Amino acid sequence: MLLRYRLCAAVPPLILGTVLIAVGAPQDAGAGPREPVRQIGSERQLFVDRWLIDRLRGAELRMHEPVRREVAFRFDAPWEGRQSAYVTLLRDGDRYRMYYRGGGDLTREFTCMAESPDGIRWTRPSLGLHVYAGSRENNILLAPRDKAYAEAHNFTPFRDENPDAAPAERYKAVALGKFFDPKINDRRKMLVAYTSADGIHWKPLQEGPILSEGSFDSQNVAFWDTVRQQYVCYSRGGRDGIRSILRSTSPDFRHWSAQEWIDLGKTPREHFYTNAIAPYDRSPGLFLGFPMRFVPTRKEIGADRRPVDALSDAVLISSRDGVRWERTFMDAFLRPGPDPANWGDGHGNNTPAWGLLPTAAGELSFYWSENYGTVPRLRRGTLRTDGFVSVHGGYAGGELVTRPFRFLGGKLQLNYATSAAGTVRVEVQDASGKPVPGYALKDAVELYGDELERTAGWNAGTDLRRLAGRTVRLRILLNDADLYSLAFSP
């Protein structure tokens, strides 16, 4: 399903069919008030927000929901059960790994791992680390020390991309732990950390927690930010009775900054039960999040008014600094769908897994939990590469004009799709909006087809090196077409 977002008159809509891009020269020193110049270098630009968009005419932003595919995995092993959830997916060399919470209830919880060669077919390796029902033939990574509480609740690992990370800590993880607090004569929930050399054999990073202020009782995530050269952790907290997201950073994974609430702007406040925030691989400076939206006020469903505890779905958020977040669409990115078992049990259903996996040429796989509370399962959905949001221009045509920016590289590559009759054309403008000679719309090579990295061209060729480092704009004309991303390459 496509969700559409049309901008108001003050910000004209985006166009997709024919793409016209304009790159401009430097603005005169004596000109009036200047619009901030975006520095994009060679970073791929997705249209999940309006950061690069100046105006849209006859075009609109469209959000693209994942296409439902097969059930990728069923949590039906004896040590798993009805409350299996909170899945992490990552690529590890020539294979994929899945980490998840297994357990029929939260008083006897296991951390488990599955593997796949392609992100589609998953198997449980026999790890031999823990005894269950008298046997070590299982995929259990961590087990509770006793029946009081799991020692690593909602364990969420990542492969550390920090080049300075010690080999023994190439894999890291965060989890909820409980520590006795004499002030309240009870155990407090705090965030603990684990490390591993191979992603299988884990040990606590330190005796105490790494973070102590927050709820932490869902899937908290951490990773190495390759652009800003720091570790980042996003965890759950309560704010005026609303579940929301806290952020903290660290230079070494041991010493963390004070937690702060992420800024969601002026959008209506909703319960975010999880966050699934991570850098997007093809554009590391861009963070994408897929929070599970929790709706506790919905207590019944269907014509028979079946009682439920709550409902849930998932939304899309994005950020270019990790602090200020955009909700370009208030609509759901993922709906519960037609299965009645996904309407209810809102604490676990429709929860996006943490991690996107490339599973075929031009394809990203997105995963989420279903049938929580019965026999939980993981559903796979697919998206076009970069295909979360597009600028769409209909048959009559639309236009996107970018804000002024500077780039590095020599060729402009577009991820786009048209109909058989559709077109995309690109014009390069100077900062004032005038076409650069030789790169005007009349000079543009007409593009049509369905390609992930098509080089834009003009009668004079495709080389833009003489404009690199100068302030330019792109004007993109779209007729019955969608533009998903653009980037400058050498």
Protein backbone atom coordinates (compact mmCIF):
# COMPACT_ATOMS: atom_id res chain seq x y z
CA MET A 1 0.00 0.00 0.00
CA LEU A 2 1.16 3.52 -0.77
CA LEU A 3 0.58 6.36 1.64
CA ARG A 4 0.59 9.87 0.24
CA TYR A 5 1.64 13.13 1.79
CA ARG A 6 0.81 16.34 -0.09
CA LEU A 7 2.56 19.50 1.01
CA CYS A 8 0.66 22.69 1.62
CA ALA A 9 0.78 25.62 -0.80
CA ALA A 10 3.68 27.21 1.05
CA VAL A 11 5.77 24.15 0.26
CA PRO A 12 4.81 22.88 -3.21
CA PRO A 13 4.50 19.13 -3.67
CA LEU A 14 7.26 16.81 -4.93
CA ILE A 15 7.21 15.29 -8.38
CA LEU A 16 8.30 11.88 -9.46
CA GLY A 17 7.51 10.98 -13.09
CA THR A 18 10.02 13.07 -14.95
CA VAL A 19 12.97 14.10 -12.83
CA LEU A 20 14.65 17.40 -13.47
CA ILE A 21 17.67 18.37 -11.36
CA ALA A 22 19.37 21.72 -11.29
CA VAL A 23 22.87 22.40 -10.02
CA GLY A 24 23.83 26.00 -9.51
CA ALA A 25 26.85 28.26 -9.17
CA PRO A 26 27.85 30.19 -6.02
CA GLN A 27 25.50 32.87 -4.77
CA ASP A 28 26.67 36.45 -5.26
CA ALA A 29 28.16 38.00 -2.13
CA GLY A 30 25.83 40.97 -2.43
CA ALA A 31 22.64 38.94 -2.61
CA GLY A 32 19.86 39.13 -0.02
CA PRO A 33 19.23 36.71 2.86
CA ARG A 34 20.79 33.36 2.11
CA GLU A 35 19.23 29.99 2.60
CA PRO A 36 21.60 27.62 4.41
CA VAL A 37 23.64 25.62 1.94
CA ARG A 38 23.40 21.86 2.48
CA GLN A 39 26.70 20.02 2.43
CA ILE A 40 25.92 16.60 1.00
CA GLY A 41 29.33 15.53 -0.33
CA SER A 42 28.78 12.13 -1.90
CA GLU A 43 26.28 10.96 0.73
CA ARG A 44 23.18 9.31 -0.70
CA GLN A 45 20.06 11.41 -0.18
CA LEU A 46 16.75 9.71 0.61
CA PHE A 47 13.44 11.56 0.65
CA VAL A 48 12.23 10.37 4.03
CA ASP A 49 12.18 14.03 5.11
CA ARG A 50 12.17 17.48 3.49
CA TRP A 51 15.78 18.31 4.39
CA LEU A 52 16.90 18.65 0.77
CA ILE A 53 13.54 19.74 -0.64
CA ASP A 54 12.87 23.40 -1.37
CA ARG A 55 9.60 23.02 -3.20
CA LEU A 56 7.33 20.55 -4.94
CA ARG A 57 4.94 21.39 -7.74
CA GLY A 58 2.41 18.81 -8.89
CA ALA A 59 4.28 16.14 -6.97
CA GLU A 60 3.96 14.50 -3.56
CA LEU A 61 5.83 12.41 -1.06
CA ARG A 62 4.66 8.79 -0.91
CA MET A 63 5.47 6.36 1.86
CA HIS A 64 5.80 2.73 0.77
CA GLU A 65 4.81 0.02 3.23
CA PRO A 66 6.73 -3.26 3.22
CA VAL A 67 5.22 -5.94 0.99
CA ARG A 68 4.24 -8.94 3.10
CA ARG A 69 6.15 -12.10 2.28
CA GLU A 70 6.49 -15.47 4.00
CA VAL A 71 6.66 -16.30 7.68
CA ALA A 72 10.42 -16.35 8.15
CA PHE A 73 10.57 -18.08 11.54
CA ARG A 74 8.28 -19.64 14.14
CA PHE A 75 9.22 -19.49 17.80
CA ASP A 76 7.96 -22.98 18.53
CA ALA A 77 10.93 -24.76 20.12
CA PRO A 78 10.21 -26.08 23.65
CA TRP A 79 12.42 -23.38 25.22
CA GLU A 80 10.71 -20.59 23.25
CA GLY A 81 6.99 -20.02 23.50
CA ARG A 82 4.25 -17.44 23.59
CA GLN A 83 6.35 -14.46 24.77
CA SER A 84 9.23 -14.90 22.35
CA ALA A 85 9.98 -11.49 20.88
CA TYR A 86 12.41 -8.58 20.40
CA VAL A 87 14.37 -9.79 17.40
CA THR A 88 17.75 -8.45 16.27
CA LEU A 89 19.03 -9.14 12.75
CA LEU A 90 22.54 -8.50 11.52
CA ARG A 91 24.92 -9.47 8.77
CA ASP A 92 28.04 -11.33 9.86
CA GLY A 93 30.37 -12.10 6.99
CA ASP A 94 28.69 -14.45 4.52
CA ARG A 95 25.71 -15.19 6.77
CA TYR A 96 22.95 -13.55 8.71
CA ARG A 97 22.23 -13.91 12.39
CA MET A 98 19.04 -13.53 14.36
CA TYR A 99 19.01 -12.97 18.12
CA TYR A 100 15.76 -13.07 20.07
CA ARG A 101 14.06 -13.54 23.40
CA GLY A 102 12.68 -17.02 23.92
CA GLY A 103 10.36 -17.98 26.72
CA GLY A 104 6.86 -19.04 27.57
CA ASP A 105 6.79 -16.38 30.28
CA LEU A 106 9.13 -13.75 31.62
CA THR A 107 10.10 -15.77 34.71
CA ARG A 108 12.02 -18.26 32.56
CA GLU A 109 13.62 -16.43 29.67
CA PHE A 110 16.36 -17.44 27.25
CA THR A 111 18.42 -15.53 24.73
CA CYS A 112 18.56 -17.53 21.51
CA MET A 113 20.23 -17.32 18.09
CA ALA A 114 19.32 -18.51 14.58
CA GLU A 115 21.32 -18.31 11.35
CA SER A 116 20.59 -17.92 7.65
CA PRO A 117 22.56 -17.85 4.39
CA ASP A 118 20.09 -15.49 2.71
CA GLY A 119 17.78 -13.85 5.27
CA ILE A 120 14.92 -16.09 4.13
CA ARG A 121 15.74 -19.63 5.33
CA TRP A 122 16.56 -19.73 9.05
CA THR A 123 17.84 -22.58 11.20
CA ARG A 124 18.70 -23.04 14.87
CA PRO A 125 22.35 -23.99 15.36
CA SER A 126 23.12 -26.48 18.11
CA LEU A 127 25.35 -24.39 20.34
CA GLY A 128 25.76 -26.76 23.28
CA LEU A 129 26.09 -23.91 25.78
CA HIS A 130 23.16 -24.59 28.12
CA VAL A 131 21.20 -27.58 29.29
CA TYR A 132 17.47 -27.62 28.61
CA ALA A 133 15.39 -30.67 29.60
CA GLY A 134 18.57 -32.66 30.06
CA SER A 135 20.09 -31.83 26.67
CA ARG A 136 22.54 -29.31 25.23
CA GLU A 137 21.08 -29.68 21.73
CA ASN A 138 19.64 -26.19 21.52
CA ASN A 139 20.38 -22.65 20.31
CA ILE A 140 20.34 -20.98 23.74
CA LEU A 141 23.03 -18.33 24.21
CA LEU A 142 22.12 -17.06 27.68
CA ALA A 143 19.93 -18.54 30.36
CA PRO A 144 18.68 -17.14 33.68
CA ARG A 145 20.65 -17.94 36.79
CA ASP A 146 17.45 -18.70 38.63
CA LYS A 147 13.70 -18.48 38.16
CA ALA A 148 13.45 -15.00 39.64
CA TYR A 149 14.36 -13.04 36.53
CA ALA A 150 16.41 -13.33 33.36
CA GLU A 151 19.91 -11.99 33.81
CA ALA A 152 19.80 -10.40 30.34
CA HIS A 153 16.23 -9.39 29.59
CA ASN A 154 15.63 -8.34 25.95
CA PHE A 155 19.26 -8.89 24.98
CA THR A 156 20.06 -6.81 21.85
CA PRO A 157 23.52 -7.22 20.25
CA PHE A 158 25.38 -5.51 17.42
CA ARG A 159 28.61 -6.03 15.52
CA ASP A 160 30.92 -3.18 16.50
CA GLU A 161 32.22 -1.24 13.48
CA ASN A 162 34.57 0.85 15.60
CA PRO A 163 38.04 0.12 14.12
CA ASP A 164 39.57 0.60 17.58
CA ALA A 165 37.35 -2.00 19.24
CA ALA A 166 39.30 -4.78 20.94
CA PRO A 167 38.97 -8.18 19.20
CA ALA A 168 37.49 -9.61 22.40
CA GLU A 169 34.74 -6.97 22.18
CA ARG A 170 33.99 -7.09 18.46
CA TYR A 171 30.36 -7.83 19.40
CA LYS A 172 28.53 -5.82 22.02
CA ALA A 173 25.03 -5.89 23.46
CA VAL A 174 22.72 -4.12 25.86
CA ALA A 175 20.05 -5.71 28.01
CA LEU A 176 17.86 -4.99 30.98
CA GLY A 177 19.18 -6.19 34.30
CA LYS A 178 17.96 -5.86 37.88
CA PHE A 179 20.05 -4.59 40.76
CA PHE A 180 19.09 -4.39 44.41
CA ASP A 181 18.50 -0.81 45.54
CA PRO A 182 18.61 -0.46 49.35
CA LYS A 183 16.88 2.92 49.16
CA ILE A 184 13.65 1.30 48.02
CA ASN A 185 14.41 -2.20 49.36
CA ASP A 186 13.75 -3.64 45.91
CA ARG A 187 15.38 -4.38 42.61
CA ARG A 188 15.72 -1.59 40.06
CA LYS A 189 15.71 -1.99 36.30
CA MET A 190 18.95 -0.80 34.76
CA LEU A 191 20.73 -1.22 31.45
CA VAL A 192 23.66 -3.64 31.41
CA ALA A 193 26.22 -4.37 28.69
CA TYR A 194 27.79 -7.55 27.32
CA THR A 195 30.74 -8.22 25.00
CA SER A 196 31.86 -11.12 22.82
CA ALA A 197 34.62 -12.03 20.40
CA ASP A 198 32.41 -14.20 18.18
CA GLY A 199 28.80 -13.21 18.86
CA ILE A 200 28.16 -16.55 20.61
CA HIS A 201 30.14 -16.59 23.85
CA TRP A 202 29.16 -13.56 25.91
CA LYS A 203 30.26 -12.05 29.18
CA PRO A 204 29.21 -8.97 31.15
CA LEU A 205 31.18 -5.83 30.34
CA GLN A 206 31.33 -4.78 34.00
CA GLU A 207 29.76 -5.43 37.37
CA GLY A 208 27.26 -2.59 37.38
CA PRO A 209 24.95 -1.01 34.82
CA ILE A 210 25.97 1.37 32.06
CA LEU A 211 22.72 3.39 32.39
CA SER A 212 20.34 3.58 35.31
CA GLU A 213 17.66 6.18 34.55
CA GLY A 214 14.85 4.81 32.42
CA SER A 215 12.39 1.96 32.08
CA PHE A 216 14.47 -0.23 29.75
CA ASP A 217 11.74 -2.93 29.69
CA SER A 218 11.51 -3.30 25.92
CA GLN A 219 14.10 -3.54 23.15
CA ASN A 220 16.85 -1.00 23.83
CA VAL A 221 19.47 -0.64 21.07
CA ALA A 222 23.07 0.54 20.79
CA PHE A 223 25.56 0.85 17.93
CA TRP A 224 28.72 2.56 16.72
CA ASP A 225 27.96 5.76 14.77
CA THR A 226 30.59 5.72 12.00
CA VAL A 227 29.92 9.34 11.01
CA ARG A 228 30.14 10.95 14.46
CA GLN A 229 32.61 8.40 15.85
CA GLN A 230 30.74 7.54 19.01
CA TYR A 231 28.52 4.87 20.51
CA VAL A 232 24.83 5.69 20.70
CA CYS A 233 22.14 4.06 22.81
CA TYR A 234 18.39 4.50 22.39
CA SER A 235 16.31 3.23 25.28
CA ARG A 236 12.78 3.44 26.56
CA GLY A 237 11.54 5.76 29.26
CA GLY A 238 8.28 7.21 30.52
CA ARG A 239 7.54 10.90 30.02
CA ASP A 240 4.39 12.34 31.55
CA GLY A 241 2.72 8.97 31.27
CA ILE A 242 3.75 8.46 27.64
CA ARG A 243 6.31 5.87 26.56
CA SER A 244 9.08 7.60 24.63
CA ILE A 245 12.73 7.35 23.59
CA LEU A 246 15.87 8.39 25.47
CA ARG A 247 19.30 8.86 23.89
CA SER A 248 22.81 8.65 25.31
CA THR A 249 26.30 8.61 23.76
CA SER A 250 29.68 7.22 24.74
CA PRO A 251 33.25 7.34 23.42
CA ASP A 252 34.13 3.88 24.77
CA PHE A 253 30.87 2.01 25.58
CA ARG A 254 31.65 2.33 29.29
CA HIS A 255 31.15 6.00 30.12
CA TRP A 256 27.85 7.39 28.92
CA SER A 257 26.41 10.88 28.71
CA ALA A 258 23.32 11.88 30.62
CA GLN A 259 20.25 10.60 28.84
CA GLU A 260 18.11 13.05 26.90
CA TRP A 261 14.73 12.76 25.22
CA ILE A 262 14.77 12.70 21.47
CA ASP A 263 13.03 15.68 19.86
CA LEU A 264 10.00 14.69 17.78
CA GLY A 265 9.03 18.26 16.99
CA LYS A 266 5.42 19.35 17.21
CA THR A 267 3.89 16.03 16.20
CA PRO A 268 1.21 14.55 18.48
CA ARG A 269 2.71 12.48 21.26
CA GLU A 270 2.10 8.76 21.00
CA HIS A 271 3.37 5.72 22.90
CA PHE A 272 6.55 4.33 21.36
CA TYR A 273 7.05 0.91 22.91
CA THR A 274 10.26 0.12 20.99
CA ASN A 275 12.34 2.23 18.59
CA ALA A 276 14.38 0.03 16.15
CA ILE A 277 16.69 2.99 15.42
CA ALA A 278 19.84 2.44 13.34
CA PRO A 279 21.95 4.20 10.69
CA TYR A 280 20.89 3.37 7.15
CA ASP A 281 23.71 1.38 5.52
CA ARG A 282 23.63 3.21 2.18
CA SER A 283 23.58 6.60 3.88
CA PRO A 284 25.30 6.27 7.29
CA GLY A 285 24.63 9.88 8.31
CA LEU A 286 20.88 9.20 8.15
CA PHE A 287 19.19 7.42 11.05
CA LEU A 288 15.93 5.54 10.47
CA GLY A 289 13.63 4.33 13.22
CA PHE A 290 10.59 2.06 13.18
CA PRO A 291 8.97 2.48 16.60
CA MET A 292 6.22 0.10 17.58
CA ARG A 293 3.29 2.44 18.26
CA PHE A 294 1.33 1.24 21.29
CA VAL A 295 -2.36 2.16 21.59
CA PRO A 296 -3.44 1.21 25.14
CA THR A 297 -6.87 2.87 24.89
CA ARG A 298 -8.16 0.33 22.36
CA LYS A 299 -9.67 -2.46 24.48
CA GLU A 300 -11.88 -4.30 22.01
CA ILE A 301 -11.84 -5.24 18.35
CA GLY A 302 -14.26 -6.52 15.71
CA ALA A 303 -18.00 -6.78 15.41
CA ASP A 304 -18.07 -9.21 18.32
CA ARG A 305 -16.24 -6.63 20.46
CA ARG A 306 -13.52 -9.12 21.37
CA PRO A 307 -11.61 -7.81 24.40
CA VAL A 308 -7.93 -6.99 23.88
CA ASP A 309 -5.26 -5.56 26.15
CA ALA A 310 -4.11 -2.95 23.61
CA LEU A 311 -3.38 -2.54 19.90
CA SER A 312 -0.12 -1.79 18.11
CA ASP A 313 1.42 -1.00 14.74
CA ALA A 314 4.65 0.68 13.62
CA VAL A 315 5.65 4.08 12.23
CA LEU A 316 8.63 5.58 10.39
CA ILE A 317 10.86 8.31 11.84
CA SER A 318 14.15 9.75 10.56
CA SER A 319 16.99 11.96 11.79
CA ARG A 320 20.16 13.50 10.43
CA ASP A 321 21.78 14.12 13.81
CA GLY A 322 20.23 11.47 16.06
CA VAL A 323 18.58 14.06 18.32
CA ARG A 324 16.01 15.89 16.19
CA TRP A 325 13.60 13.50 14.50
CA GLU A 326 11.13 13.93 11.65
CA ARG A 327 7.75 12.27 11.34
CA THR A 328 7.00 13.17 7.76
CA PHE A 329 4.04 10.77 7.95
CA MET A 330 1.79 10.23 10.92
CA ASP A 331 0.31 7.23 9.10
CA ALA A 332 1.37 3.72 10.03
CA PHE A 333 4.36 2.30 8.18
CA LEU A 334 3.21 -1.19 9.21
CA ARG A 335 -0.42 -2.13 9.90
CA PRO A 336 -1.57 -5.23 11.82
CA GLY A 337 -3.11 -6.66 8.64
CA PRO A 338 -5.98 -9.14 8.20
CA ASP A 339 -4.87 -11.79 10.72
CA PRO A 340 -7.08 -11.43 13.84
CA ALA A 341 -4.20 -12.77 15.96
CA ASN A 342 -2.29 -9.54 15.32
CA TRP A 343 -5.10 -7.36 16.67
CA GLY A 344 -4.45 -7.48 20.40
CA ASP A 345 -1.51 -8.52 22.57
CA GLY A 346 -0.24 -5.03 21.85
CA HIS A 347 2.87 -5.50 23.99
CA GLY A 348 4.45 -7.72 21.36
CA ASN A 349 2.51 -7.85 18.10
CA ASN A 350 3.63 -5.85 15.07
CA THR A 351 6.99 -5.05 16.68
CA PRO A 352 9.64 -4.38 14.02
CA ALA A 353 12.84 -6.35 14.38
CA TRP A 354 16.01 -4.31 14.73
CA GLY A 355 17.92 -4.53 11.47
CA LEU A 356 17.28 -4.37 7.72
CA LEU A 357 18.84 -7.08 5.55
CA PRO A 358 19.64 -6.99 1.82
CA THR A 359 18.16 -10.25 0.51
CA ALA A 360 18.24 -9.83 -3.29
CA ALA A 361 19.37 -7.33 -5.90
CA GLY A 362 17.45 -4.13 -5.24
CA GLU A 363 15.62 -5.65 -2.26
CA LEU A 364 15.66 -4.93 1.47
CA SER A 365 13.95 -7.24 3.93
CA PHE A 366 12.11 -5.82 6.92
CA TYR A 367 10.87 -8.16 9.67
CA TRP A 368 8.26 -7.94 12.42
CA SER A 369 6.64 -10.06 15.13
CA GLU A 370 3.19 -11.58 14.77
CA ASN A 371 0.86 -13.81 16.81
CA TYR A 372 2.41 -12.75 20.09
CA GLY A 373 0.82 -14.57 23.03
CA THR A 374 0.04 -17.75 21.04
CA VAL A 375 2.77 -19.23 18.84
CA PRO A 376 4.81 -16.12 17.94
CA ARG A 377 6.38 -15.86 14.52
CA LEU A 378 8.55 -13.50 12.52
CA ARG A 379 7.12 -12.18 9.27
CA ARG A 380 9.33 -10.95 6.43
CA GLY A 381 8.40 -8.02 4.22
CA THR A 382 10.30 -6.44 1.35
CA LEU A 383 11.07 -2.92 0.23
CA ARG A 384 12.88 -1.54 -2.75
CA THR A 385 16.44 -0.49 -1.93
CA ASP A 386 16.10 3.10 -0.55
CA GLY A 387 12.36 2.64 -1.10
CA PHE A 388 10.85 3.90 2.14
CA VAL A 389 9.54 7.14 0.61
CA SER A 390 9.51 8.45 -2.95
CA VAL A 391 8.84 11.73 -4.65
CA HIS A 392 5.98 10.90 -7.00
CA GLY A 393 4.91 12.75 -10.11
CA GLY A 394 1.76 11.63 -11.89
CA TYR A 395 1.12 11.36 -15.61
CA ALA A 396 0.49 15.11 -15.88
CA GLY A 397 3.94 15.74 -14.42
CA GLY A 398 5.45 17.13 -11.28
CA GLU A 399 8.58 18.91 -10.19
CA LEU A 400 11.05 18.80 -7.32
CA VAL A 401 13.47 21.68 -6.70
CA THR A 402 16.15 21.11 -4.09
CA ARG A 403 17.57 23.51 -1.61
CA PRO A 404 21.01 24.89 -2.49
CA PHE A 405 23.76 22.40 -1.74
CA ARG A 406 27.38 21.49 -2.43
CA PHE A 407 28.45 18.05 -3.56
CA LEU A 408 31.57 16.00 -4.23
CA GLY A 409 31.92 13.75 -7.24
CA GLY A 410 31.46 13.85 -10.97
CA LYS A 411 28.22 12.01 -11.79
CA LEU A 412 24.67 12.18 -10.52
CA GLN A 413 23.02 8.83 -9.92
CA LEU A 414 19.29 8.36 -9.49
CA ASN A 415 17.24 5.56 -7.96
CA TYR A 416 13.97 5.87 -9.85
CA ALA A 417 11.12 4.02 -11.55
CA THR A 418 8.74 5.12 -14.32
CA SER A 419 5.89 3.63 -16.25
CA ALA A 420 6.42 2.65 -19.87
CA ALA A 421 5.28 6.16 -20.83
CA GLY A 422 6.86 7.98 -17.88
CA THR A 423 10.00 10.10 -17.84
CA VAL A 424 12.54 11.71 -15.55
CA ARG A 425 14.60 14.72 -16.52
CA VAL A 426 17.18 16.65 -14.53
CA GLU A 427 18.21 20.28 -14.74
CA VAL A 428 21.22 21.76 -12.98
CA GLN A 429 20.74 25.28 -11.68
CA ASP A 430 22.89 27.82 -9.94
CA ALA A 431 22.06 28.98 -6.44
CA SER A 432 19.67 31.63 -7.76
CA GLY A 433 17.68 29.08 -9.75
CA LYS A 434 19.06 29.83 -13.21
CA PRO A 435 19.95 26.84 -15.40
CA VAL A 436 23.66 26.21 -15.72
CA PRO A 437 24.57 26.44 -19.44
CA GLY A 438 24.66 22.97 -20.94
CA TYR A 439 22.66 21.46 -18.06
CA ALA A 440 19.25 23.04 -18.68
CA LEU A 441 16.08 21.05 -19.04
CA LYS A 442 16.25 21.33 -22.81
CA ASP A 443 19.68 19.66 -22.67
CA ALA A 444 18.63 16.80 -20.36
CA VAL A 445 18.62 13.20 -21.51
CA GLU A 446 15.19 11.69 -20.94
CA LEU A 447 15.30 8.80 -18.47
CA TYR A 448 12.75 6.02 -18.25
CA GLY A 449 12.81 2.54 -16.75
CA ASP A 450 13.33 1.11 -13.28
CA GLU A 451 16.92 1.44 -12.05
CA LEU A 452 18.74 1.76 -8.74
CA GLU A 453 21.75 3.77 -9.97
CA ARG A 454 21.18 5.44 -13.33
CA THR A 455 23.55 8.25 -14.24
CA ALA A 456 21.78 11.45 -15.28
CA GLY A 457 23.01 12.97 -18.51
CA TRP A 458 22.75 15.95 -20.80
CA ASN A 459 23.60 16.50 -24.45
CA ALA A 460 27.13 17.42 -23.40
CA GLY A 461 27.55 14.22 -21.36
CA THR A 462 27.35 13.18 -17.71
CA ASP A 463 30.42 14.89 -16.20
CA LEU A 464 29.65 17.34 -13.37
CA ARG A 465 33.15 17.62 -11.91
CA ARG A 466 33.50 21.30 -12.75
CA LEU A 467 30.51 22.02 -10.51
CA ALA A 468 31.74 19.98 -7.54
CA GLY A 469 32.20 22.14 -4.45
CA ARG A 470 30.04 24.92 -5.86
CA THR A 471 26.59 25.85 -4.59
CA VAL A 472 23.93 24.36 -6.86
CA ARG A 473 20.33 23.27 -6.99
CA LEU A 474 18.66 20.37 -8.75
CA ARG A 475 15.35 20.62 -10.50
CA ILE A 476 13.84 17.22 -11.16
CA LEU A 477 10.83 16.73 -13.42
CA LEU A 478 8.78 13.56 -13.00
CA ASN A 479 6.02 12.20 -15.23
CA ASP A 480 4.36 9.01 -14.00
CA ALA A 481 7.52 8.33 -12.06
CA ASP A 482 9.00 7.92 -8.58
CA LEU A 483 12.35 9.14 -7.31
CA TYR A 484 13.69 7.28 -4.27
CA SER A 485 17.18 8.66 -3.80
CA LEU A 486 20.08 10.46 -5.44
CA ALA A 487 23.83 10.50 -4.93
CA PHE A 488 26.96 11.90 -6.54
CA SER A 489 29.66 9.40 -7.44
CA PRO A 490 33.27 9.83 -8.67
